[in-house]
PDB file of N, CA and C in Angstrom:
ATOM      1  N   MET A   1      36.835  45.696   2.015  1.00  0.00           N
ATOM      2  CA  MET A   1      36.253  45.860   0.693  1.00  0.00           C
ATOM      3  C   MET A   1      34.919  46.603   0.853  1.00  0.00           C
ATOM      4  N   PRO A   2      34.711  47.682   0.077  1.00  0.00           N
ATOM      5  CA  PRO A   2      33.475  48.449   0.219  1.00  0.00           C
ATOM      6  C   PRO A   2      32.282  47.659  -0.332  1.00  0.00           C
ATOM      7  N   THR A   3      31.124  47.921   0.244  1.00  0.00           N
ATOM      8  CA  THR A   3      29.909  47.246  -0.231  1.00  0.00           C
ATOM      9  C   THR A   3      29.435  47.893  -1.527  1.00  0.00           C
ATOM     10  N   ARG A   4      28.882  47.078  -2.375  1.00  0.00           N
ATOM     11  CA  ARG A   4      28.399  47.576  -3.665  1.00  0.00           C
ATOM     12  C   ARG A   4      26.969  48.075  -3.529  1.00  0.00           C
ATOM     13  N   ARG A   5      26.698  49.103  -4.252  1.00  0.00           N
ATOM     14  CA  ARG A   5      25.332  49.619  -4.279  1.00  0.00           C
ATOM     15  C   ARG A   5      24.521  48.833  -5.303  1.00  0.00           C
ATOM     16  N   LYS A   6      23.233  48.816  -5.092  1.00  0.00           N
ATOM     17  CA  LYS A   6      22.357  48.159  -6.062  1.00  0.00           C
ATOM     18  C   LYS A   6      22.254  49.026  -7.309  1.00  0.00           C
ATOM     19  N   ALA A   7      22.221  48.376  -8.435  1.00  0.00           N
ATOM     20  CA  ALA A   7      22.068  49.090  -9.706  1.00  0.00           C
ATOM     21  C   ALA A   7      20.642  49.613  -9.817  1.00  0.00           C
ATOM     22  N   PRO A   8      20.459  50.772 -10.405  1.00  0.00           N
ATOM     23  CA  PRO A   8      19.096  51.283 -10.584  1.00  0.00           C
ATOM     24  C   PRO A   8      18.332  50.366 -11.537  1.00  0.00           C
ATOM     25  N   PRO A   9      17.024  50.286 -11.373  1.00  0.00           N
ATOM     26  CA  PRO A   9      16.244  49.404 -12.249  1.00  0.00           C
ATOM     27  C   PRO A   9      16.289  49.878 -13.697  1.00  0.00           C
ATOM     28  N   SER A  10      16.275  48.923 -14.592  1.00  0.00           N
ATOM     29  CA  SER A  10      16.268  49.236 -16.024  1.00  0.00           C
ATOM     30  C   SER A  10      14.909  49.793 -16.410  1.00  0.00           C
ATOM     31  N   PRO A  11      14.876  50.716 -17.351  1.00  0.00           N
ATOM     32  CA  PRO A  11      13.573  51.223 -17.796  1.00  0.00           C
ATOM     33  C   PRO A  11      12.800  50.115 -18.498  1.00  0.00           C
ATOM     34  N   LYS A  12      11.498  50.110 -18.292  1.00  0.00           N
ATOM     35  CA  LYS A  12      10.657  49.090 -18.918  1.00  0.00           C
ATOM     36  C   LYS A  12      10.341  49.503 -20.349  1.00  0.00           C
ATOM     37  N   LEU A  13      10.261  48.512 -21.207  1.00  0.00           N
ATOM     38  CA  LEU A  13       9.915  48.769 -22.599  1.00  0.00           C
ATOM     39  C   LEU A  13       8.455  49.180 -22.691  1.00  0.00           C
ATOM     40  N   ALA A  14       8.182  50.091 -23.573  1.00  0.00           N
ATOM     41  CA  ALA A  14       6.803  50.527 -23.773  1.00  0.00           C
ATOM     42  C   ALA A  14       6.014  49.393 -24.413  1.00  0.00           C
ATOM     43  N   ALA A  15       4.847  49.145 -23.868  1.00  0.00           N
ATOM     44  CA  ALA A  15       3.992  48.090 -24.407  1.00  0.00           C
ATOM     45  C   ALA A  15       3.372  48.562 -25.718  1.00  0.00           C
ATOM     46  N   GLU A  16       3.022  47.619 -26.550  1.00  0.00           N
ATOM     47  CA  GLU A  16       2.336  47.941 -27.800  1.00  0.00           C
ATOM     48  C   GLU A  16       1.026  48.641 -27.445  1.00  0.00           C
ATOM     49  N   PRO A  17       0.741  49.791 -28.063  1.00  0.00           N
ATOM     50  CA  PRO A  17      -0.486  50.498 -27.704  1.00  0.00           C
ATOM     51  C   PRO A  17      -1.716  49.654 -28.002  1.00  0.00           C
ATOM     52  N   GLN A  18      -2.668  49.709 -27.107  1.00  0.00           N
ATOM     53  CA  GLN A  18      -3.897  48.941 -27.264  1.00  0.00           C
ATOM     54  C   GLN A  18      -4.821  49.674 -28.227  1.00  0.00           C
ATOM     55  N   ILE A  19      -5.533  48.917 -29.013  1.00  0.00           N
ATOM     56  CA  ILE A  19      -6.514  49.512 -29.913  1.00  0.00           C
ATOM     57  C   ILE A  19      -7.725  49.900 -29.073  1.00  0.00           C
ATOM     58  N   GLU A  20      -8.221  51.111 -29.305  1.00  0.00           N
ATOM     59  CA  GLU A  20      -9.359  51.588 -28.542  1.00  0.00           C
ATOM     60  C   GLU A  20     -10.541  50.649 -28.713  1.00  0.00           C
ATOM     61  N   ARG A  21     -11.334  50.574 -27.673  1.00  0.00           N
ATOM     62  CA  ARG A  21     -12.510  49.712 -27.692  1.00  0.00           C
ATOM     63  C   ARG A  21     -13.461  50.166 -28.807  1.00  0.00           C
ATOM     64  N   GLY A  22     -13.962  49.220 -29.544  1.00  0.00           N
ATOM     65  CA  GLY A  22     -14.915  49.520 -30.602  1.00  0.00           C
ATOM     66  C   GLY A  22     -14.291  49.800 -31.959  1.00  0.00           C
ATOM     67  N   LEU A  23     -12.962  49.794 -32.040  1.00  0.00           N
ATOM     68  CA  LEU A  23     -12.294  50.026 -33.321  1.00  0.00           C
ATOM     69  C   LEU A  23     -11.661  48.737 -33.819  1.00  0.00           C
ATOM     70  N   ARG A  24     -11.613  48.585 -35.134  1.00  0.00           N
ATOM     71  CA  ARG A  24     -10.994  47.415 -35.746  1.00  0.00           C
ATOM     72  C   ARG A  24      -9.924  47.865 -36.735  1.00  0.00           C
ATOM     73  N   GLU A  25      -8.856  47.100 -36.770  1.00  0.00           N
ATOM     74  CA  GLU A  25      -7.785  47.370 -37.728  1.00  0.00           C
ATOM     75  C   GLU A  25      -8.212  46.869 -39.099  1.00  0.00           C
ATOM     76  N   VAL A  26      -8.102  47.749 -40.089  1.00  0.00           N
ATOM     77  CA  VAL A  26      -8.458  47.371 -41.453  1.00  0.00           C
ATOM     78  C   VAL A  26      -7.216  46.949 -42.215  1.00  0.00           C
ATOM     79  N   CYS A  27      -6.141  47.713 -42.086  1.00  0.00           N
ATOM     80  CA  CYS A  27      -4.898  47.353 -42.753  1.00  0.00           C
ATOM     81  C   CYS A  27      -3.743  48.141 -42.153  1.00  0.00           C
ATOM     82  N   ARG A  28      -2.531  47.750 -42.551  1.00  0.00           N
ATOM     83  CA  ARG A  28      -1.302  48.458 -42.204  1.00  0.00           C
ATOM     84  C   ARG A  28      -0.616  48.815 -43.513  1.00  0.00           C
ATOM     85  N   CYS A  29      -0.224  50.062 -43.635  1.00  0.00           N
ATOM     86  CA  CYS A  29       0.395  50.518 -44.876  1.00  0.00           C
ATOM     87  C   CYS A  29       1.265  51.732 -44.581  1.00  0.00           C
ATOM     88  N   ASP A  30       1.848  52.317 -45.633  1.00  0.00           N
ATOM     89  CA  ASP A  30       2.646  53.524 -45.402  1.00  0.00           C
ATOM     90  C   ASP A  30       1.715  54.735 -45.300  1.00  0.00           C
ATOM     91  N   ARG A  31       2.278  55.872 -44.924  1.00  0.00           N
ATOM     92  CA  ARG A  31       1.470  57.063 -44.635  1.00  0.00           C
ATOM     93  C   ARG A  31       0.681  57.545 -45.853  1.00  0.00           C
ATOM     94  N   THR A  32       1.279  57.501 -47.021  1.00  0.00           N
ATOM     95  CA  THR A  32       0.596  57.978 -48.222  1.00  0.00           C
ATOM     96  C   THR A  32      -0.642  57.141 -48.507  1.00  0.00           C
ATOM     97  N   GLU A  33      -0.501  55.820 -48.477  1.00  0.00           N
ATOM     98  CA  GLU A  33      -1.653  54.934 -48.699  1.00  0.00           C
ATOM     99  C   GLU A  33      -2.709  55.137 -47.623  1.00  0.00           C
ATOM    100  N   ALA A  34      -2.266  55.320 -46.378  1.00  0.00           N
ATOM    101  CA  ALA A  34      -3.207  55.500 -45.272  1.00  0.00           C
ATOM    102  C   ALA A  34      -4.042  56.766 -45.463  1.00  0.00           C
ATOM    103  N   LEU A  35      -3.426  57.837 -45.936  1.00  0.00           N
ATOM    104  CA  LEU A  35      -4.174  59.079 -46.170  1.00  0.00           C
ATOM    105  C   LEU A  35      -5.186  58.910 -47.302  1.00  0.00           C
ATOM    106  N   VAL A  36      -4.825  58.152 -48.327  1.00  0.00           N
ATOM    107  CA  VAL A  36      -5.762  57.880 -49.421  1.00  0.00           C
ATOM    108  C   VAL A  36      -6.938  57.053 -48.903  1.00  0.00           C
ATOM    109  N   LEU A  37      -6.647  56.013 -48.101  1.00  0.00           N
ATOM    110  CA  LEU A  37      -7.718  55.179 -47.548  1.00  0.00           C
ATOM    111  C   LEU A  37      -8.616  55.981 -46.614  1.00  0.00           C
ATOM    112  N   LYS A  38      -8.023  56.840 -45.805  1.00  0.00           N
ATOM    113  CA  LYS A  38      -8.818  57.684 -44.908  1.00  0.00           C
ATOM    114  C   LYS A  38      -9.789  58.539 -45.715  1.00  0.00           C
ATOM    115  N   GLY A  39      -9.309  59.137 -46.809  1.00  0.00           N
ATOM    116  CA  GLY A  39     -10.181  59.931 -47.668  1.00  0.00           C
ATOM    117  C   GLY A  39     -11.292  59.096 -48.286  1.00  0.00           C
ATOM    118  N   LEU A  40     -10.952  57.898 -48.742  1.00  0.00           N
ATOM    119  CA  LEU A  40     -11.951  56.999 -49.327  1.00  0.00           C
ATOM    120  C   LEU A  40     -13.017  56.625 -48.306  1.00  0.00           C
ATOM    121  N   PHE A  41     -12.573  56.173 -47.129  1.00  0.00           N
ATOM    122  CA  PHE A  41     -13.526  55.738 -46.107  1.00  0.00           C
ATOM    123  C   PHE A  41     -14.400  56.896 -45.631  1.00  0.00           C
ATOM    124  N   GLU A  42     -13.804  58.056 -45.421  1.00  0.00           N
ATOM    125  CA  GLU A  42     -14.589  59.191 -44.938  1.00  0.00           C
ATOM    126  C   GLU A  42     -15.548  59.705 -46.004  1.00  0.00           C
ATOM    127  N   SER A  43     -15.215  59.549 -47.292  1.00  0.00           N
ATOM    128  CA  SER A  43     -16.156  59.928 -48.351  1.00  0.00           C
ATOM    129  C   SER A  43     -17.360  58.989 -48.376  1.00  0.00           C
ATOM    130  N   GLU A  44     -17.183  57.784 -47.836  1.00  0.00           N
ATOM    131  CA  GLU A  44     -18.282  56.819 -47.731  1.00  0.00           C
ATOM    132  C   GLU A  44     -18.986  56.910 -46.372  1.00  0.00           C
ATOM    133  N   GLY A  45     -18.578  57.872 -45.541  1.00  0.00           N
ATOM    134  CA  GLY A  45     -19.223  58.062 -44.240  1.00  0.00           C
ATOM    135  C   GLY A  45     -18.664  57.192 -43.130  1.00  0.00           C
ATOM    136  N   ILE A  46     -17.476  56.625 -43.332  1.00  0.00           N
ATOM    137  CA  ILE A  46     -16.848  55.768 -42.319  1.00  0.00           C
ATOM    138  C   ILE A  46     -15.783  56.588 -41.590  1.00  0.00           C
ATOM    139  N   PRO A  47     -15.987  56.901 -40.297  1.00  0.00           N
ATOM    140  CA  PRO A  47     -14.946  57.623 -39.565  1.00  0.00           C
ATOM    141  C   PRO A  47     -13.680  56.771 -39.474  1.00  0.00           C
ATOM    142  N   THR A  48     -12.541  57.395 -39.666  1.00  0.00           N
ATOM    143  CA  THR A  48     -11.275  56.664 -39.743  1.00  0.00           C
ATOM    144  C   THR A  48     -10.241  57.298 -38.830  1.00  0.00           C
ATOM    145  N   LEU A  49      -9.472  56.444 -38.152  1.00  0.00           N
ATOM    146  CA  LEU A  49      -8.386  56.899 -37.289  1.00  0.00           C
ATOM    147  C   LEU A  49      -7.092  56.278 -37.796  1.00  0.00           C
ATOM    148  N   LEU A  50      -6.059  57.100 -37.935  1.00  0.00           N
ATOM    149  CA  LEU A  50      -4.745  56.612 -38.348  1.00  0.00           C
ATOM    150  C   LEU A  50      -3.832  56.615 -37.138  1.00  0.00           C
ATOM    151  N   ARG A  51      -3.129  55.511 -36.915  1.00  0.00           N
ATOM    152  CA  ARG A  51      -2.203  55.425 -35.786  1.00  0.00           C
ATOM    153  C   ARG A  51      -0.819  55.058 -36.308  1.00  0.00           C
ATOM    154  N   SER A  52       0.178  55.798 -35.822  1.00  0.00           N
ATOM    155  CA  SER A  52       1.560  55.563 -36.213  1.00  0.00           C
ATOM    156  C   SER A  52       2.460  55.876 -35.033  1.00  0.00           C
ATOM    157  N   ARG A  53       3.652  55.308 -35.038  1.00  0.00           N
ATOM    158  CA  ARG A  53       4.600  55.557 -33.961  1.00  0.00           C
ATOM    159  C   ARG A  53       5.772  56.417 -34.420  1.00  0.00           C
ATOM    160  N   VAL A  54       5.659  57.019 -35.602  1.00  0.00           N
ATOM    161  CA  VAL A  54       6.745  57.818 -36.156  1.00  0.00           C
ATOM    162  C   VAL A  54       6.493  59.294 -35.863  1.00  0.00           C
ATOM    163  N   ALA A  55       7.529  59.996 -35.433  1.00  0.00           N
ATOM    164  CA  ALA A  55       7.450  61.444 -35.237  1.00  0.00           C
ATOM    165  C   ALA A  55       7.917  62.109 -36.526  1.00  0.00           C
ATOM    166  N   TYR A  56       6.985  62.475 -37.394  1.00  0.00           N
ATOM    167  CA  TYR A  56       7.348  63.023 -38.702  1.00  0.00           C
ATOM    168  C   TYR A  56       8.029  64.381 -38.594  1.00  0.00           C
ATOM    169  N   SER A  57       7.799  65.102 -37.502  1.00  0.00           N
ATOM    170  CA  SER A  57       8.459  66.398 -37.364  1.00  0.00           C
ATOM    171  C   SER A  57       9.957  66.229 -37.117  1.00  0.00           C
ATOM    172  N   VAL A  58      10.354  65.094 -36.560  1.00  0.00           N
ATOM    173  CA  VAL A  58      11.766  64.832 -36.295  1.00  0.00           C
ATOM    174  C   VAL A  58      12.427  64.206 -37.515  1.00  0.00           C
ATOM    175  N   TYR A  59      11.805  63.155 -38.049  1.00  0.00           N
ATOM    176  CA  TYR A  59      12.327  62.456 -39.220  1.00  0.00           C
ATOM    177  C   TYR A  59      11.266  62.508 -40.316  1.00  0.00           C
ATOM    178  N   PRO A  60      11.454  63.309 -41.347  1.00  0.00           N
ATOM    179  CA  PRO A  60      10.419  63.453 -42.372  1.00  0.00           C
ATOM    180  C   PRO A  60      10.315  62.267 -43.326  1.00  0.00           C
ATOM    181  N   PHE A  61      11.031  61.197 -43.048  1.00  0.00           N
ATOM    182  CA  PHE A  61      10.986  60.017 -43.904  1.00  0.00           C
ATOM    183  C   PHE A  61      10.989  58.789 -43.007  1.00  0.00           C
ATOM    184  N   SER A  62      10.687  57.654 -43.587  1.00  0.00           N
ATOM    185  CA  SER A  62      10.726  56.397 -42.838  1.00  0.00           C
ATOM    186  C   SER A  62      11.259  55.307 -43.753  1.00  0.00           C
ATOM    187  N   VAL A  63      11.755  54.244 -43.151  1.00  0.00           N
ATOM    188  CA  VAL A  63      12.329  53.144 -43.905  1.00  0.00           C
ATOM    189  C   VAL A  63      11.615  51.863 -43.499  1.00  0.00           C
ATOM    190  N   GLY A  64      11.109  51.134 -44.480  1.00  0.00           N
ATOM    191  CA  GLY A  64      10.478  49.847 -44.213  1.00  0.00           C
ATOM    192  C   GLY A  64       9.286  49.952 -43.273  1.00  0.00           C
ATOM    193  N   GLY A  65       9.213  49.005 -42.338  1.00  0.00           N
ATOM    194  CA  GLY A  65       8.096  48.933 -41.409  1.00  0.00           C
ATOM    195  C   GLY A  65       8.100  50.002 -40.337  1.00  0.00           C
ATOM    196  N   GLN A  66       9.159  50.795 -40.246  1.00  0.00           N
ATOM    197  CA  GLN A  66       9.205  51.840 -39.222  1.00  0.00           C
ATOM    198  C   GLN A  66       8.133  52.892 -39.441  1.00  0.00           C
ATOM    199  N   GLY A  67       7.770  53.147 -40.676  1.00  0.00           N
ATOM    200  CA  GLY A  67       6.773  54.165 -40.980  1.00  0.00           C
ATOM    201  C   GLY A  67       5.374  53.611 -41.124  1.00  0.00           C
ATOM    202  N   GLU A  68       5.156  52.430 -40.618  1.00  0.00           N
ATOM    203  CA  GLU A  68       3.868  51.760 -40.760  1.00  0.00           C
ATOM    204  C   GLU A  68       2.754  52.543 -40.071  1.00  0.00           C
ATOM    205  N   VAL A  69       1.628  52.665 -40.753  1.00  0.00           N
ATOM    206  CA  VAL A  69       0.449  53.332 -40.217  1.00  0.00           C
ATOM    207  C   VAL A  69      -0.663  52.296 -40.131  1.00  0.00           C
ATOM    208  N   ILE A  70      -1.361  52.274 -39.001  1.00  0.00           N
ATOM    209  CA  ILE A  70      -2.486  51.361 -38.809  1.00  0.00           C
ATOM    210  C   ILE A  70      -3.764  52.140 -39.084  1.00  0.00           C
ATOM    211  N   VAL A  71      -4.601  51.617 -39.960  1.00  0.00           N
ATOM    212  CA  VAL A  71      -5.873  52.251 -40.298  1.00  0.00           C
ATOM    213  C   VAL A  71      -6.956  51.577 -39.459  1.00  0.00           C
ATOM    214  N   LEU A  72      -7.636  52.379 -38.629  1.00  0.00           N
ATOM    215  CA  LEU A  72      -8.671  51.871 -37.729  1.00  0.00           C
ATOM    216  C   LEU A  72     -10.023  52.463 -38.106  1.00  0.00           C
ATOM    217  N   VAL A  73     -11.052  51.621 -38.042  1.00  0.00           N
ATOM    218  CA  VAL A  73     -12.427  52.066 -38.290  1.00  0.00           C
ATOM    219  C   VAL A  73     -13.316  51.493 -37.193  1.00  0.00           C
ATOM    220  N   PRO A  74     -14.523  52.054 -36.992  1.00  0.00           N
ATOM    221  CA  PRO A  74     -15.439  51.466 -36.011  1.00  0.00           C
ATOM    222  C   PRO A  74     -15.770  50.021 -36.380  1.00  0.00           C
ATOM    223  N   ALA A  75     -15.927  49.187 -35.365  1.00  0.00           N
ATOM    224  CA  ALA A  75     -16.198  47.763 -35.598  1.00  0.00           C
ATOM    225  C   ALA A  75     -17.442  47.564 -36.458  1.00  0.00           C
ATOM    226  N   SER A  76     -18.436  48.428 -36.284  1.00  0.00           N
ATOM    227  CA  SER A  76     -19.674  48.283 -37.051  1.00  0.00           C
ATOM    228  C   SER A  76     -19.475  48.595 -38.538  1.00  0.00           C
ATOM    229  N   GLN A  77     -18.406  49.297 -38.882  1.00  0.00           N
ATOM    230  CA  GLN A  77     -18.136  49.678 -40.266  1.00  0.00           C
ATOM    231  C   GLN A  77     -16.994  48.871 -40.892  1.00  0.00           C
ATOM    232  N   ALA A  78     -16.425  47.927 -40.135  1.00  0.00           N
ATOM    233  CA  ALA A  78     -15.251  47.185 -40.611  1.00  0.00           C
ATOM    234  C   ALA A  78     -15.551  46.376 -41.878  1.00  0.00           C
ATOM    235  N   ALA A  79     -16.710  45.725 -41.929  1.00  0.00           N
ATOM    236  CA  ALA A  79     -17.043  44.908 -43.101  1.00  0.00           C
ATOM    237  C   ALA A  79     -17.158  45.775 -44.359  1.00  0.00           C
ATOM    238  N   LEU A  80     -17.802  46.925 -44.235  1.00  0.00           N
ATOM    239  CA  LEU A  80     -17.944  47.825 -45.378  1.00  0.00           C
ATOM    240  C   LEU A  80     -16.583  48.340 -45.839  1.00  0.00           C
ATOM    241  N   SER A  81     -15.725  48.688 -44.902  1.00  0.00           N
ATOM    242  CA  SER A  81     -14.403  49.196 -45.279  1.00  0.00           C
ATOM    243  C   SER A  81     -13.570  48.111 -45.961  1.00  0.00           C
ATOM    244  N   ARG A  82     -13.699  46.866 -45.523  1.00  0.00           N
ATOM    245  CA  ARG A  82     -12.971  45.769 -46.177  1.00  0.00           C
ATOM    246  C   ARG A  82     -13.493  45.522 -47.593  1.00  0.00           C
ATOM    247  N   ARG A  83     -14.809  45.683 -47.786  1.00  0.00           N
ATOM    248  CA  ARG A  83     -15.363  45.535 -49.141  1.00  0.00           C
ATOM    249  C   ARG A  83     -14.820  46.622 -50.067  1.00  0.00           C
ATOM    250  N   LEU A  84     -14.711  47.845 -49.535  1.00  0.00           N
ATOM    251  CA  LEU A  84     -14.132  48.929 -50.337  1.00  0.00           C
ATOM    252  C   LEU A  84     -12.681  48.621 -50.689  1.00  0.00           C
ATOM    253  N   LEU A  85     -11.930  48.089 -49.734  1.00  0.00           N
ATOM    254  CA  LEU A  85     -10.537  47.713 -49.998  1.00  0.00           C
ATOM    255  C   LEU A  85     -10.458  46.596 -51.028  1.00  0.00           C
ATOM    256  N   PHE A  86     -11.374  45.645 -50.945  1.00  0.00           N
ATOM    257  CA  PHE A  86     -11.388  44.510 -51.857  1.00  0.00           C
ATOM    258  C   PHE A  86     -11.552  44.984 -53.299  1.00  0.00           C
ATOM    259  N   ARG A  87     -12.368  46.023 -53.493  1.00  0.00           N
ATOM    260  CA  ARG A  87     -12.563  46.573 -54.835  1.00  0.00           C
ATOM    261  C   ARG A  87     -11.294  47.224 -55.374  1.00  0.00           C
ATOM    262  N   LEU A  88     -10.489  47.810 -54.474  1.00  0.00           N
ATOM    263  CA  LEU A  88      -9.291  48.533 -54.895  1.00  0.00           C
ATOM    264  C   LEU A  88      -8.059  47.656 -55.041  1.00  0.00           C
ATOM    265  N   ALA A  89      -8.053  46.492 -54.385  1.00  0.00           N
ATOM    266  CA  ALA A  89      -6.853  45.654 -54.351  1.00  0.00           C
ATOM    267  C   ALA A  89      -6.519  45.144 -55.753  1.00  0.00           C
ATOM    268  N   PRO A  90      -5.250  45.300 -56.201  1.00  0.00           N
ATOM    269  CA  PRO A  90      -4.871  44.809 -57.528  1.00  0.00           C
ATOM    270  C   PRO A  90      -4.951  43.291 -57.623  1.00  0.00           C
ATOM    271  N   ASN A  91      -4.648  42.600 -56.540  1.00  0.00           N
ATOM    272  CA  ASN A  91      -4.741  41.148 -56.490  1.00  0.00           C
ATOM    273  C   ASN A  91      -5.414  40.797 -55.166  1.00  0.00           C
ATOM    274  N   PRO A  92      -6.750  40.757 -55.117  1.00  0.00           N
ATOM    275  CA  PRO A  92      -7.468  40.597 -53.853  1.00  0.00           C
ATOM    276  C   PRO A  92      -7.063  39.380 -53.032  1.00  0.00           C
ATOM    277  N   ALA A  93      -6.636  38.311 -53.678  1.00  0.00           N
ATOM    278  CA  ALA A  93      -6.290  37.103 -52.923  1.00  0.00           C
ATOM    279  C   ALA A  93      -5.078  37.325 -52.027  1.00  0.00           C
ATOM    280  N   THR A  94      -4.148  38.176 -52.441  1.00  0.00           N
ATOM    281  CA  THR A  94      -2.934  38.370 -51.648  1.00  0.00           C
ATOM    282  C   THR A  94      -2.857  39.737 -50.984  1.00  0.00           C
ATOM    283  N   SER A  95      -3.566  40.738 -51.500  1.00  0.00           N
ATOM    284  CA  SER A  95      -3.405  42.095 -50.991  1.00  0.00           C
ATOM    285  C   SER A  95      -4.265  42.410 -49.777  1.00  0.00           C
ATOM    286  N   LEU A  96      -5.401  41.768 -49.641  1.00  0.00           N
ATOM    287  CA  LEU A  96      -6.321  42.098 -48.556  1.00  0.00           C
ATOM    288  C   LEU A  96      -5.870  41.462 -47.254  1.00  0.00           C
ATOM    289  N   PRO A  97      -5.687  42.252 -46.173  1.00  0.00           N
ATOM    290  CA  PRO A  97      -5.293  41.665 -44.884  1.00  0.00           C
ATOM    291  C   PRO A  97      -6.418  40.843 -44.293  1.00  0.00           C
ATOM    292  N   ARG A  98      -6.068  39.864 -43.505  1.00  0.00           N
ATOM    293  CA  ARG A  98      -7.080  39.003 -42.884  1.00  0.00           C
ATOM    294  C   ARG A  98      -7.446  39.502 -41.519  1.00  0.00           C
TER     295      ARG A  98
END
């Protein structure tokens, strides 16, 4: 009976990307909302970074949480950005992320 070869190792799953040091997550939303928030925050002088895992050039649409965009701001500006969000939220008790 011939000897069996070892199976090649399985590829490892990509880890969740780490948030850069000094940045805080303000909210998670779809791309359209994220672009509006980025404009709002930057008009108030808050630098904003949008992070997403969707390749829009391949799939120009997304379904559900697949198209989720994370809105990141500097930690020193996080409180101000949350106050701006609080003013915009239709129902602040349920809409504002913790």
